[in-house]
Amino acid sequence: MINVTTAEQGSAKVIAVTGEVDLYSSPKLREALNGLTDTKAARIVVDMSGVSYMDSSGLATLVEALQKTGGYKGVFSLASVTPEVLSVFQLSRLDQVFDIHETVDSAVSAEG
């Protein structure tokens, strides 16, 4: 079970995700991200401070949003990734692909 909320912070759209992102819950995250990429949101920040677990379907959902955002020259960032989830990004080398910030504030204010 996950909870996904969207808010505005400055010029960014911030999606806060809590819970486990897996095969069953990732469609809810995908729906929220698609809502932002379909409207070509200039800056999307995913607050992952509440994510306790993420599997490959969750990673695929984030990669898809990153590609869509890049397609229209938007900025896509991850923020406050927990150590458990960060290890999944590191194992898959996706920590080299995503723009990952310590905090939502630093992601929102980053140049890009």
PDB file of N, CA and C in Angstrom:
ATOM      1  N   MET A   1       0.843  -1.193   0.000  1.00  0.00           N
ATOM      2  CA  MET A   1       0.000   0.000   0.000  1.00  0.00           C
ATOM      3  C   MET A   1       0.880   1.245   0.000  1.00  0.00           C
ATOM      4  N   ILE A   2       0.628   2.141  -0.954  1.00  0.00           N
ATOM      5  CA  ILE A   2       1.364   3.394  -0.953  1.00  0.00           C
ATOM      6  C   ILE A   2       0.393   4.565  -0.945  1.00  0.00           C
ATOM      7  N   ASN A   3       0.943   5.697  -0.553  1.00  0.00           N
ATOM      8  CA  ASN A   3       0.203   6.938  -0.605  1.00  0.00           C
ATOM      9  C   ASN A   3       1.017   7.897  -1.461  1.00  0.00           C
ATOM     10  N   VAL A   4       0.368   8.551  -2.407  1.00  0.00           N
ATOM     11  CA  VAL A   4       1.037   9.480  -3.304  1.00  0.00           C
ATOM     12  C   VAL A   4       0.279  10.797  -3.270  1.00  0.00           C
ATOM     13  N   THR A   5       0.990  11.873  -2.931  1.00  0.00           N
ATOM     14  CA  THR A   5       0.373  13.196  -2.925  1.00  0.00           C
ATOM     15  C   THR A   5       1.228  14.140  -3.757  1.00  0.00           C
ATOM     16  N   THR A   6       0.574  15.091  -4.380  1.00  0.00           N
ATOM     17  CA  THR A   6       1.275  16.071  -5.209  1.00  0.00           C
ATOM     18  C   THR A   6       1.015  17.469  -4.657  1.00  0.00           C
ATOM     19  N   ALA A   7       2.083  18.264  -4.606  1.00  0.00           N
ATOM     20  CA  ALA A   7       1.986  19.642  -4.123  1.00  0.00           C
ATOM     21  C   ALA A   7       2.927  20.513  -4.946  1.00  0.00           C
ATOM     22  N   GLU A   8       2.744  21.814  -4.852  1.00  0.00           N
ATOM     23  CA  GLU A   8       3.651  22.743  -5.509  1.00  0.00           C
ATOM     24  C   GLU A   8       4.580  23.333  -4.470  1.00  0.00           C
ATOM     25  N   GLN A   9       5.847  23.434  -4.833  1.00  0.00           N
ATOM     26  CA  GLN A   9       6.824  24.106  -3.979  1.00  0.00           C
ATOM     27  C   GLN A   9       7.672  24.962  -4.901  1.00  0.00           C
ATOM     28  N   GLY A  10       7.452  26.264  -4.851  1.00  0.00           N
ATOM     29  CA  GLY A  10       8.117  27.149  -5.801  1.00  0.00           C
ATOM     30  C   GLY A  10       7.651  26.811  -7.200  1.00  0.00           C
ATOM     31  N   SER A  11       8.613  26.613  -8.089  1.00  0.00           N
ATOM     32  CA  SER A  11       8.274  26.289  -9.478  1.00  0.00           C
ATOM     33  C   SER A  11       8.194  24.786  -9.714  1.00  0.00           C
ATOM     34  N   ALA A  12       8.355  24.010  -8.665  1.00  0.00           N
ATOM     35  CA  ALA A  12       8.382  22.551  -8.815  1.00  0.00           C
ATOM     36  C   ALA A  12       7.077  21.894  -8.393  1.00  0.00           C
ATOM     37  N   LYS A  13       6.812  20.778  -9.018  1.00  0.00           N
ATOM     38  CA  LYS A  13       5.737  19.887  -8.585  1.00  0.00           C
ATOM     39  C   LYS A  13       6.416  18.803  -7.759  1.00  0.00           C
ATOM     40  N   VAL A  14       5.996  18.653  -6.518  1.00  0.00           N
ATOM     41  CA  VAL A  14       6.612  17.678  -5.624  1.00  0.00           C
ATOM     42  C   VAL A  14       5.629  16.542  -5.383  1.00  0.00           C
ATOM     43  N   ILE A  15       6.073  15.328  -5.696  1.00  0.00           N
ATOM     44  CA  ILE A  15       5.275  14.131  -5.442  1.00  0.00           C
ATOM     45  C   ILE A  15       5.868  13.450  -4.221  1.00  0.00           C
ATOM     46  N   ALA A  16       5.098  13.368  -3.150  1.00  0.00           N
ATOM     47  CA  ALA A  16       5.538  12.680  -1.936  1.00  0.00           C
ATOM     48  C   ALA A  16       4.989  11.263  -1.963  1.00  0.00           C
ATOM     49  N   VAL A  17       5.874  10.307  -1.784  1.00  0.00           N
ATOM     50  CA  VAL A  17       5.499   8.889  -1.835  1.00  0.00           C
ATOM     51  C   VAL A  17       5.813   8.252  -0.490  1.00  0.00           C
ATOM     52  N   THR A  18       4.837   7.527   0.064  1.00  0.00           N
ATOM     53  CA  THR A  18       5.070   6.792   1.306  1.00  0.00           C
ATOM     54  C   THR A  18       4.601   5.355   1.131  1.00  0.00           C
ATOM     55  N   GLY A  19       5.350   4.443   1.749  1.00  0.00           N
ATOM     56  CA  GLY A  19       5.002   3.029   1.692  1.00  0.00           C
ATOM     57  C   GLY A  19       5.955   2.251   0.818  1.00  0.00           C
ATOM     58  N   GLU A  20       5.509   1.090   0.359  1.00  0.00           N
ATOM     59  CA  GLU A  20       6.306   0.207  -0.481  1.00  0.00           C
ATOM     60  C   GLU A  20       5.888   0.365  -1.936  1.00  0.00           C
ATOM     61  N   VAL A  21       6.869   0.579  -2.800  1.00  0.00           N
ATOM     62  CA  VAL A  21       6.603   0.716  -4.229  1.00  0.00           C
ATOM     63  C   VAL A  21       6.996  -0.600  -4.895  1.00  0.00           C
ATOM     64  N   ASP A  22       5.989  -1.352  -5.291  1.00  0.00           N
ATOM     65  CA  ASP A  22       6.228  -2.665  -5.887  1.00  0.00           C
ATOM     66  C   ASP A  22       5.301  -2.866  -7.086  1.00  0.00           C
ATOM     67  N   LEU A  23       5.261  -4.080  -7.578  1.00  0.00           N
ATOM     68  CA  LEU A  23       4.462  -4.407  -8.756  1.00  0.00           C
ATOM     69  C   LEU A  23       3.002  -3.988  -8.596  1.00  0.00           C
ATOM     70  N   TYR A  24       2.481  -4.118  -7.394  1.00  0.00           N
ATOM     71  CA  TYR A  24       1.062  -3.838  -7.161  1.00  0.00           C
ATOM     72  C   TYR A  24       0.769  -2.364  -6.919  1.00  0.00           C
ATOM     73  N   SER A  25       1.731  -1.641  -6.358  1.00  0.00           N
ATOM     74  CA  SER A  25       1.484  -0.238  -6.024  1.00  0.00           C
ATOM     75  C   SER A  25       2.076   0.743  -7.033  1.00  0.00           C
ATOM     76  N   SER A  26       3.021   0.295  -7.850  1.00  0.00           N
ATOM     77  CA  SER A  26       3.666   1.228  -8.782  1.00  0.00           C
ATOM     78  C   SER A  26       2.705   1.860  -9.795  1.00  0.00           C
ATOM     79  N   PRO A  27       1.598   1.206 -10.199  1.00  0.00           N
ATOM     80  CA  PRO A  27       0.669   1.901 -11.101  1.00  0.00           C
ATOM     81  C   PRO A  27       0.108   3.204 -10.509  1.00  0.00           C
ATOM     82  N   LYS A  28      -0.059   3.259  -9.203  1.00  0.00           N
ATOM     83  CA  LYS A  28      -0.552   4.491  -8.572  1.00  0.00           C
ATOM     84  C   LYS A  28       0.488   5.608  -8.716  1.00  0.00           C
ATOM     85  N   LEU A  29       1.753   5.275  -8.530  1.00  0.00           N
ATOM     86  CA  LEU A  29       2.821   6.254  -8.720  1.00  0.00           C
ATOM     87  C   LEU A  29       2.912   6.655 -10.184  1.00  0.00           C
ATOM     88  N   ARG A  30       2.828   5.683 -11.081  1.00  0.00           N
ATOM     89  CA  ARG A  30       2.880   5.965 -12.525  1.00  0.00           C
ATOM     90  C   ARG A  30       1.763   6.929 -12.933  1.00  0.00           C
ATOM     91  N   GLU A  31       0.574   6.721 -12.397  1.00  0.00           N
ATOM     92  CA  GLU A  31      -0.559   7.590 -12.722  1.00  0.00           C
ATOM     93  C   GLU A  31      -0.283   9.033 -12.302  1.00  0.00           C
ATOM     94  N   ALA A  32       0.257   9.213 -11.101  1.00  0.00           N
ATOM     95  CA  ALA A  32       0.567  10.562 -10.617  1.00  0.00           C
ATOM     96  C   ALA A  32       1.660  11.207 -11.460  1.00  0.00           C
ATOM     97  N   LEU A  33       2.694  10.442 -11.782  1.00  0.00           N
ATOM     98  CA  LEU A  33       3.781  10.981 -12.605  1.00  0.00           C
ATOM     99  C   LEU A  33       3.307  11.299 -14.014  1.00  0.00           C
ATOM    100  N   ASN A  34       2.481  10.430 -14.589  1.00  0.00           N
ATOM    101  CA  ASN A  34       1.952  10.688 -15.930  1.00  0.00           C
ATOM    102  C   ASN A  34       1.113  11.962 -15.953  1.00  0.00           C
ATOM    103  N   GLY A  35       0.385  12.219 -14.875  1.00  0.00           N
ATOM    104  CA  GLY A  35      -0.396  13.447 -14.801  1.00  0.00           C
ATOM    105  C   GLY A  35       0.480  14.683 -14.927  1.00  0.00           C
ATOM    106  N   LEU A  36       1.682  14.614 -14.375  1.00  0.00           N
ATOM    107  CA  LEU A  36       2.609  15.745 -14.457  1.00  0.00           C
ATOM    108  C   LEU A  36       3.359  15.788 -15.782  1.00  0.00           C
ATOM    109  N   THR A  37       3.780  14.631 -16.270  1.00  0.00           N
ATOM    110  CA  THR A  37       4.515  14.635 -17.537  1.00  0.00           C
ATOM    111  C   THR A  37       3.596  14.936 -18.715  1.00  0.00           C
ATOM    112  N   ASP A  38       2.345  14.544 -18.634  1.00  0.00           N
ATOM    113  CA  ASP A  38       1.393  14.833 -19.712  1.00  0.00           C
ATOM    114  C   ASP A  38       1.159  16.334 -19.848  1.00  0.00           C
ATOM    115  N   THR A  39       1.243  17.057 -18.723  1.00  0.00           N
ATOM    116  CA  THR A  39       1.077  18.514 -18.759  1.00  0.00           C
ATOM    117  C   THR A  39       2.419  19.229 -18.886  1.00  0.00           C
ATOM    118  N   LYS A  40       3.492  18.437 -19.056  1.00  0.00           N
ATOM    119  CA  LYS A  40       4.843  18.960 -19.246  1.00  0.00           C
ATOM    120  C   LYS A  40       5.297  19.866 -18.092  1.00  0.00           C
ATOM    121  N   ALA A  41       5.124  19.373 -16.869  1.00  0.00           N
ATOM    122  CA  ALA A  41       5.613  20.094 -15.690  1.00  0.00           C
ATOM    123  C   ALA A  41       7.113  20.320 -15.853  1.00  0.00           C
ATOM    124  N   ALA A  42       7.555  21.562 -15.666  1.00  0.00           N
ATOM    125  CA  ALA A  42       8.954  21.931 -15.918  1.00  0.00           C
ATOM    126  C   ALA A  42       9.923  21.276 -14.945  1.00  0.00           C
ATOM    127  N   ARG A  43       9.520  21.127 -13.677  1.00  0.00           N
ATOM    128  CA  ARG A  43      10.388  20.521 -12.668  1.00  0.00           C
ATOM    129  C   ARG A  43       9.559  19.591 -11.799  1.00  0.00           C
ATOM    130  N   ILE A  44       9.956  18.338 -11.756  1.00  0.00           N
ATOM    131  CA  ILE A  44       9.286  17.329 -10.938  1.00  0.00           C
ATOM    132  C   ILE A  44      10.286  16.799  -9.920  1.00  0.00           C
ATOM    133  N   VAL A  45       9.888  16.828  -8.657  1.00  0.00           N
ATOM    134  CA  VAL A  45      10.716  16.293  -7.577  1.00  0.00           C
ATOM    135  C   VAL A  45       9.909  15.193  -6.888  1.00  0.00           C
ATOM    136  N   VAL A  46      10.511  14.010  -6.761  1.00  0.00           N
ATOM    137  CA  VAL A  46       9.864  12.908  -6.072  1.00  0.00           C
ATOM    138  C   VAL A  46      10.478  12.792  -4.685  1.00  0.00           C
ATOM    139  N   ASP A  47       9.670  13.091  -3.664  1.00  0.00           N
ATOM    140  CA  ASP A  47      10.106  12.988  -2.268  1.00  0.00           C
ATOM    141  C   ASP A  47       9.950  11.534  -1.842  1.00  0.00           C
ATOM    142  N   MET A  48      11.083  10.876  -1.623  1.00  0.00           N
ATOM    143  CA  MET A  48      11.066   9.446  -1.319  1.00  0.00           C
ATOM    144  C   MET A  48      11.381   9.152   0.140  1.00  0.00           C
ATOM    145  N   SER A  49      11.267  10.149   0.984  1.00  0.00           N
ATOM    146  CA  SER A  49      11.609   9.971   2.400  1.00  0.00           C
ATOM    147  C   SER A  49      10.730   8.938   3.085  1.00  0.00           C
ATOM    148  N   GLY A  50       9.529   8.698   2.570  1.00  0.00           N
ATOM    149  CA  GLY A  50       8.617   7.746   3.184  1.00  0.00           C
ATOM    150  C   GLY A  50       8.585   6.384   2.517  1.00  0.00           C
ATOM    151  N   VAL A  51       9.481   6.162   1.549  1.00  0.00           N
ATOM    152  CA  VAL A  51       9.498   4.881   0.829  1.00  0.00           C
ATOM    153  C   VAL A  51      10.400   3.899   1.573  1.00  0.00           C
ATOM    154  N   SER A  52       9.813   2.799   2.010  1.00  0.00           N
ATOM    155  CA  SER A  52      10.572   1.805   2.771  1.00  0.00           C
ATOM    156  C   SER A  52      11.104   0.674   1.901  1.00  0.00           C
ATOM    157  N   TYR A  53      10.533   0.507   0.704  1.00  0.00           N
ATOM    158  CA  TYR A  53      10.926  -0.594  -0.173  1.00  0.00           C
ATOM    159  C   TYR A  53      10.579  -0.219  -1.606  1.00  0.00           C
ATOM    160  N   MET A  54      11.460  -0.614  -2.542  1.00  0.00           N
ATOM    161  CA  MET A  54      11.160  -0.405  -3.951  1.00  0.00           C
ATOM    162  C   MET A  54      11.732  -1.576  -4.741  1.00  0.00           C
ATOM    163  N   ASP A  55      10.909  -2.126  -5.639  1.00  0.00           N
ATOM    164  CA  ASP A  55      11.388  -3.208  -6.487  1.00  0.00           C
ATOM    165  C   ASP A  55      11.604  -2.694  -7.910  1.00  0.00           C
ATOM    166  N   SER A  56      11.889  -3.607  -8.824  1.00  0.00           N
ATOM    167  CA  SER A  56      12.222  -3.215 -10.192  1.00  0.00           C
ATOM    168  C   SER A  56      11.066  -2.511 -10.911  1.00  0.00           C
ATOM    169  N   SER A  57       9.839  -2.826 -10.558  1.00  0.00           N
ATOM    170  CA  SER A  57       8.713  -2.138 -11.208  1.00  0.00           C
ATOM    171  C   SER A  57       8.658  -0.675 -10.764  1.00  0.00           C
ATOM    172  N   GLY A  58       9.012  -0.417  -9.528  1.00  0.00           N
ATOM    173  CA  GLY A  58       9.099   0.971  -9.058  1.00  0.00           C
ATOM    174  C   GLY A  58      10.208   1.722  -9.772  1.00  0.00           C
ATOM    175  N   LEU A  59      11.356   1.062  -9.936  1.00  0.00           N
ATOM    176  CA  LEU A  59      12.460   1.677 -10.677  1.00  0.00           C
ATOM    177  C   LEU A  59      12.036   1.979 -12.113  1.00  0.00           C
ATOM    178  N   ALA A  60      11.362   1.018 -12.738  1.00  0.00           N
ATOM    179  CA  ALA A  60      10.912   1.203 -14.123  1.00  0.00           C
ATOM    180  C   ALA A  60       9.955   2.389 -14.243  1.00  0.00           C
ATOM    181  N   THR A  61       9.094   2.565 -13.254  1.00  0.00           N
ATOM    182  CA  THR A  61       8.159   3.687 -13.251  1.00  0.00           C
ATOM    183  C   THR A  61       8.913   5.006 -13.205  1.00  0.00           C
ATOM    184  N   LEU A  62       9.941   5.082 -12.367  1.00  0.00           N
ATOM    185  CA  LEU A  62      10.732   6.311 -12.259  1.00  0.00           C
ATOM    186  C   LEU A  62      11.563   6.556 -13.518  1.00  0.00           C
ATOM    187  N   VAL A  63      12.118   5.504 -14.104  1.00  0.00           N
ATOM    188  CA  VAL A  63      12.887   5.643 -15.349  1.00  0.00           C
ATOM    189  C   VAL A  63      11.981   6.166 -16.457  1.00  0.00           C
ATOM    190  N   GLU A  64      10.777   5.634 -16.539  1.00  0.00           N
ATOM    191  CA  GLU A  64       9.813   6.074 -17.554  1.00  0.00           C
ATOM    192  C   GLU A  64       9.520   7.573 -17.402  1.00  0.00           C
ATOM    193  N   ALA A  65       9.299   8.020 -16.167  1.00  0.00           N
ATOM    194  CA  ALA A  65       9.015   9.443 -15.926  1.00  0.00           C
ATOM    195  C   ALA A  65      10.235  10.304 -16.250  1.00  0.00           C
ATOM    196  N   LEU A  66      11.426   9.808 -15.922  1.00  0.00           N
ATOM    197  CA  LEU A  66      12.660  10.534 -16.242  1.00  0.00           C
ATOM    198  C   LEU A  66      12.796  10.716 -17.752  1.00  0.00           C
ATOM    199  N   GLN A  67      12.515   9.663 -18.509  1.00  0.00           N
ATOM    200  CA  GLN A  67      12.608   9.734 -19.965  1.00  0.00           C
ATOM    201  C   GLN A  67      11.580  10.700 -20.547  1.00  0.00           C
ATOM    202  N   LYS A  68      10.361  10.641 -20.046  1.00  0.00           N
ATOM    203  CA  LYS A  68       9.311  11.544 -20.536  1.00  0.00           C
ATOM    204  C   LYS A  68       9.677  12.995 -20.246  1.00  0.00           C
ATOM    205  N   THR A  69      10.158  13.243 -19.028  1.00  0.00           N
ATOM    206  CA  THR A  69      10.517  14.602 -18.641  1.00  0.00           C
ATOM    207  C   THR A  69      11.676  15.102 -19.504  1.00  0.00           C
ATOM    208  N   GLY A  70      12.659  14.249 -19.725  1.00  0.00           N
ATOM    209  CA  GLY A  70      13.783  14.619 -20.581  1.00  0.00           C
ATOM    210  C   GLY A  70      13.355  14.888 -22.012  1.00  0.00           C
ATOM    211  N   GLY A  71      12.314  14.194 -22.448  1.00  0.00           N
ATOM    212  CA  GLY A  71      11.813  14.359 -23.812  1.00  0.00           C
ATOM    213  C   GLY A  71      11.305  15.765 -24.094  1.00  0.00           C
ATOM    214  N   TYR A  72      10.804  16.439 -23.077  1.00  0.00           N
ATOM    215  CA  TYR A  72      10.349  17.815 -23.284  1.00  0.00           C
ATOM    216  C   TYR A  72      11.251  18.818 -22.554  1.00  0.00           C
ATOM    217  N   LYS A  73      12.457  18.386 -22.193  1.00  0.00           N
ATOM    218  CA  LYS A  73      13.489  19.227 -21.566  1.00  0.00           C
ATOM    219  C   LYS A  73      13.120  19.699 -20.166  1.00  0.00           C
ATOM    220  N   GLY A  74      12.323  18.891 -19.458  1.00  0.00           N
ATOM    221  CA  GLY A  74      12.010  19.199 -18.061  1.00  0.00           C
ATOM    222  C   GLY A  74      13.106  18.658 -17.148  1.00  0.00           C
ATOM    223  N   VAL A  75      12.965  18.932 -15.853  1.00  0.00           N
ATOM    224  CA  VAL A  75      13.929  18.470 -14.856  1.00  0.00           C
ATOM    225  C   VAL A  75      13.215  17.476 -13.940  1.00  0.00           C
ATOM    226  N   PHE A  76      13.835  16.318 -13.741  1.00  0.00           N
ATOM    227  CA  PHE A  76      13.272  15.268 -12.901  1.00  0.00           C
ATOM    228  C   PHE A  76      14.297  14.904 -11.843  1.00  0.00           C
ATOM    229  N   SER A  77      13.914  15.029 -10.562  1.00  0.00           N
ATOM    230  CA  SER A  77      14.836  14.754  -9.468  1.00  0.00           C
ATOM    231  C   SER A  77      14.187  13.874  -8.415  1.00  0.00           C
ATOM    232  N   LEU A  78      15.037  13.160  -7.697  1.00  0.00           N
ATOM    233  CA  LEU A  78      14.619  12.389  -6.533  1.00  0.00           C
ATOM    234  C   LEU A  78      15.194  13.067  -5.302  1.00  0.00           C
ATOM    235  N   ALA A  79      14.450  13.001  -4.194  1.00  0.00           N
ATOM    236  CA  ALA A  79      14.929  13.646  -2.970  1.00  0.00           C
ATOM    237  C   ALA A  79      14.671  12.758  -1.765  1.00  0.00           C
ATOM    238  N   SER A  80      15.534  12.891  -0.777  1.00  0.00           N
ATOM    239  CA  SER A  80      15.375  12.211   0.515  1.00  0.00           C
ATOM    240  C   SER A  80      15.200  10.699   0.365  1.00  0.00           C
ATOM    241  N   VAL A  81      16.029  10.110  -0.472  1.00  0.00           N
ATOM    242  CA  VAL A  81      15.952   8.661  -0.699  1.00  0.00           C
ATOM    243  C   VAL A  81      16.522   7.945   0.526  1.00  0.00           C
ATOM    244  N   THR A  82      15.752   7.029   1.075  1.00  0.00           N
ATOM    245  CA  THR A  82      16.197   6.298   2.261  1.00  0.00           C
ATOM    246  C   THR A  82      17.373   5.385   1.902  1.00  0.00           C
ATOM    247  N   PRO A  83      18.228   5.077   2.870  1.00  0.00           N
ATOM    248  CA  PRO A  83      19.391   4.218   2.589  1.00  0.00           C
ATOM    249  C   PRO A  83      19.010   2.866   1.977  1.00  0.00           C
ATOM    250  N   GLU A  84      17.913   2.269   2.434  1.00  0.00           N
ATOM    251  CA  GLU A  84      17.479   0.977   1.906  1.00  0.00           C
ATOM    252  C   GLU A  84      17.133   1.079   0.424  1.00  0.00           C
ATOM    253  N   VAL A  85      16.436   2.130   0.065  1.00  0.00           N
ATOM    254  CA  VAL A  85      16.028   2.306  -1.331  1.00  0.00           C
ATOM    255  C   VAL A  85      17.211   2.783  -2.170  1.00  0.00           C
ATOM    256  N   LEU A  86      18.072   3.608  -1.594  1.00  0.00           N
ATOM    257  CA  LEU A  86      19.246   4.079  -2.326  1.00  0.00           C
ATOM    258  C   LEU A  86      20.128   2.906  -2.745  1.00  0.00           C
ATOM    259  N   SER A  87      20.207   1.886  -1.916  1.00  0.00           N
ATOM    260  CA  SER A  87      21.023   0.718  -2.261  1.00  0.00           C
ATOM    261  C   SER A  87      20.491   0.023  -3.519  1.00  0.00           C
ATOM    262  N   VAL A  88      19.190   0.050  -3.739  1.00  0.00           N
ATOM    263  CA  VAL A  88      18.603  -0.532  -4.949  1.00  0.00           C
ATOM    264  C   VAL A  88      19.051   0.277  -6.176  1.00  0.00           C
ATOM    265  N   PHE A  89      19.065   1.602  -6.041  1.00  0.00           N
ATOM    266  CA  PHE A  89      19.534   2.454  -7.140  1.00  0.00           C
ATOM    267  C   PHE A  89      21.023   2.203  -7.403  1.00  0.00           C
ATOM    268  N   GLN A  90      21.805   2.030  -6.346  1.00  0.00           N
ATOM    269  CA  GLN A  90      23.240   1.807  -6.503  1.00  0.00           C
ATOM    270  C   GLN A  90      23.531   0.453  -7.144  1.00  0.00           C
ATOM    271  N   LEU A  91      22.809  -0.585  -6.727  1.00  0.00           N
ATOM    272  CA  LEU A  91      23.009  -1.912  -7.308  1.00  0.00           C
ATOM    273  C   LEU A  91      22.720  -1.935  -8.800  1.00  0.00           C
ATOM    274  N   SER A  92      21.720  -1.165  -9.202  1.00  0.00           N
ATOM    275  CA  SER A  92      21.337  -1.125 -10.613  1.00  0.00           C
ATOM    276  C   SER A  92      22.057  -0.007 -11.373  1.00  0.00           C
ATOM    277  N   ARG A  93      22.928   0.701 -10.668  1.00  0.00           N
ATOM    278  CA  ARG A  93      23.694   1.834 -11.224  1.00  0.00           C
ATOM    279  C   ARG A  93      22.799   3.008 -11.641  1.00  0.00           C
ATOM    280  N   LEU A  94      21.563   2.998 -11.226  1.00  0.00           N
ATOM    281  CA  LEU A  94      20.667   4.099 -11.561  1.00  0.00           C
ATOM    282  C   LEU A  94      20.958   5.349 -10.738  1.00  0.00           C
ATOM    283  N   ASP A  95      21.775   5.216  -9.696  1.00  0.00           N
ATOM    284  CA  ASP A  95      22.189   6.398  -8.950  1.00  0.00           C
ATOM    285  C   ASP A  95      23.064   7.301  -9.830  1.00  0.00           C
ATOM    286  N   GLN A  96      23.615   6.738 -10.920  1.00  0.00           N
ATOM    287  CA  GLN A  96      24.407   7.513 -11.875  1.00  0.00           C
ATOM    288  C   GLN A  96      23.517   8.191 -12.923  1.00  0.00           C
ATOM    289  N   VAL A  97      22.269   7.763 -13.011  1.00  0.00           N
ATOM    290  CA  VAL A  97      21.346   8.265 -14.029  1.00  0.00           C
ATOM    291  C   VAL A  97      20.436   9.362 -13.464  1.00  0.00           C
ATOM    292  N   PHE A  98      19.957   9.137 -12.256  1.00  0.00           N
ATOM    293  CA  PHE A  98      19.030  10.083 -11.633  1.00  0.00           C
ATOM    294  C   PHE A  98      19.759  11.207 -10.919  1.00  0.00           C
ATOM    295  N   ASP A  99      19.107  12.351 -10.875  1.00  0.00           N
ATOM    296  CA  ASP A  99      19.562  13.495 -10.097  1.00  0.00           C
ATOM    297  C   ASP A  99      18.991  13.297  -8.694  1.00  0.00           C
ATOM    298  N   ILE A 100      19.835  12.883  -7.752  1.00  0.00           N
ATOM    299  CA  ILE A 100      19.378  12.543  -6.403  1.00  0.00           C
ATOM    300  C   ILE A 100      19.886  13.585  -5.408  1.00  0.00           C
ATOM    301  N   HIS A 101      18.954  14.152  -4.638  1.00  0.00           N
ATOM    302  CA  HIS A 101      19.281  15.197  -3.665  1.00  0.00           C
ATOM    303  C   HIS A 101      19.000  14.723  -2.246  1.00  0.00           C
ATOM    304  N   GLU A 102      19.709  15.324  -1.301  1.00  0.00           N
ATOM    305  CA  GLU A 102      19.538  14.996   0.119  1.00  0.00           C
ATOM    306  C   GLU A 102      18.151  15.398   0.625  1.00  0.00           C
ATOM    307  N   THR A 103      17.669  16.562   0.160  1.00  0.00           N
ATOM    308  CA  THR A 103      16.393  17.095   0.647  1.00  0.00           C
ATOM    309  C   THR A 103      15.535  17.577  -0.524  1.00  0.00           C
ATOM    310  N   VAL A 104      14.251  17.716  -0.258  1.00  0.00           N
ATOM    311  CA  VAL A 104      13.337  18.270  -1.254  1.00  0.00           C
ATOM    312  C   VAL A 104      13.737  19.708  -1.579  1.00  0.00           C
ATOM    313  N   ASP A 105      14.068  20.488  -0.545  1.00  0.00           N
ATOM    314  CA  ASP A 105      14.452  21.889  -0.764  1.00  0.00           C
ATOM    315  C   ASP A 105      15.640  22.010  -1.703  1.00  0.00           C
ATOM    316  N   SER A 106      16.655  21.154  -1.523  1.00  0.00           N
ATOM    317  CA  SER A 106      17.832  21.236  -2.400  1.00  0.00           C
ATOM    318  C   SER A 106      17.474  20.819  -3.823  1.00  0.00           C
ATOM    319  N   ALA A 107      16.562  19.885  -3.978  1.00  0.00           N
ATOM    320  CA  ALA A 107      16.126  19.459  -5.315  1.00  0.00           C
ATOM    321  C   ALA A 107      15.339  20.568  -6.000  1.00  0.00           C
ATOM    322  N   VAL A 108      14.481  21.232  -5.236  1.00  0.00           N
ATOM    323  CA  VAL A 108      13.655  22.307  -5.795  1.00  0.00           C
ATOM    324  C   VAL A 108      14.520  23.488  -6.248  1.00  0.00           C
ATOM    325  N   SER A 109      15.543  23.797  -5.458  1.00  0.00           N
ATOM    326  CA  SER A 109      16.364  24.972  -5.761  1.00  0.00           C
ATOM    327  C   SER A 109      17.562  24.682  -6.654  1.00  0.00           C
ATOM    328  N   ALA A 110      17.788  23.425  -7.027  1.00  0.00           N
ATOM    329  CA  ALA A 110      18.944  23.064  -7.855  1.00  0.00           C
ATOM    330  C   ALA A 110      18.829  23.673  -9.249  1.00  0.00           C
ATOM    331  N   GLU A 111      19.985  23.986  -9.797  1.00  0.00           N
ATOM    332  CA  GLU A 111      20.014  24.469 -11.187  1.00  0.00           C
ATOM    333  C   GLU A 111      19.698  23.293 -12.092  1.00  0.00           C
ATOM    334  N   GLY A 112      19.097  23.588 -13.217  1.00  0.00           N
ATOM    335  CA  GLY A 112      18.826  22.474 -14.118  1.00  0.00           C
ATOM    336  C   GLY A 112      17.947  22.835 -15.167  1.00  0.00           C
TER     337      GLY A 112
END
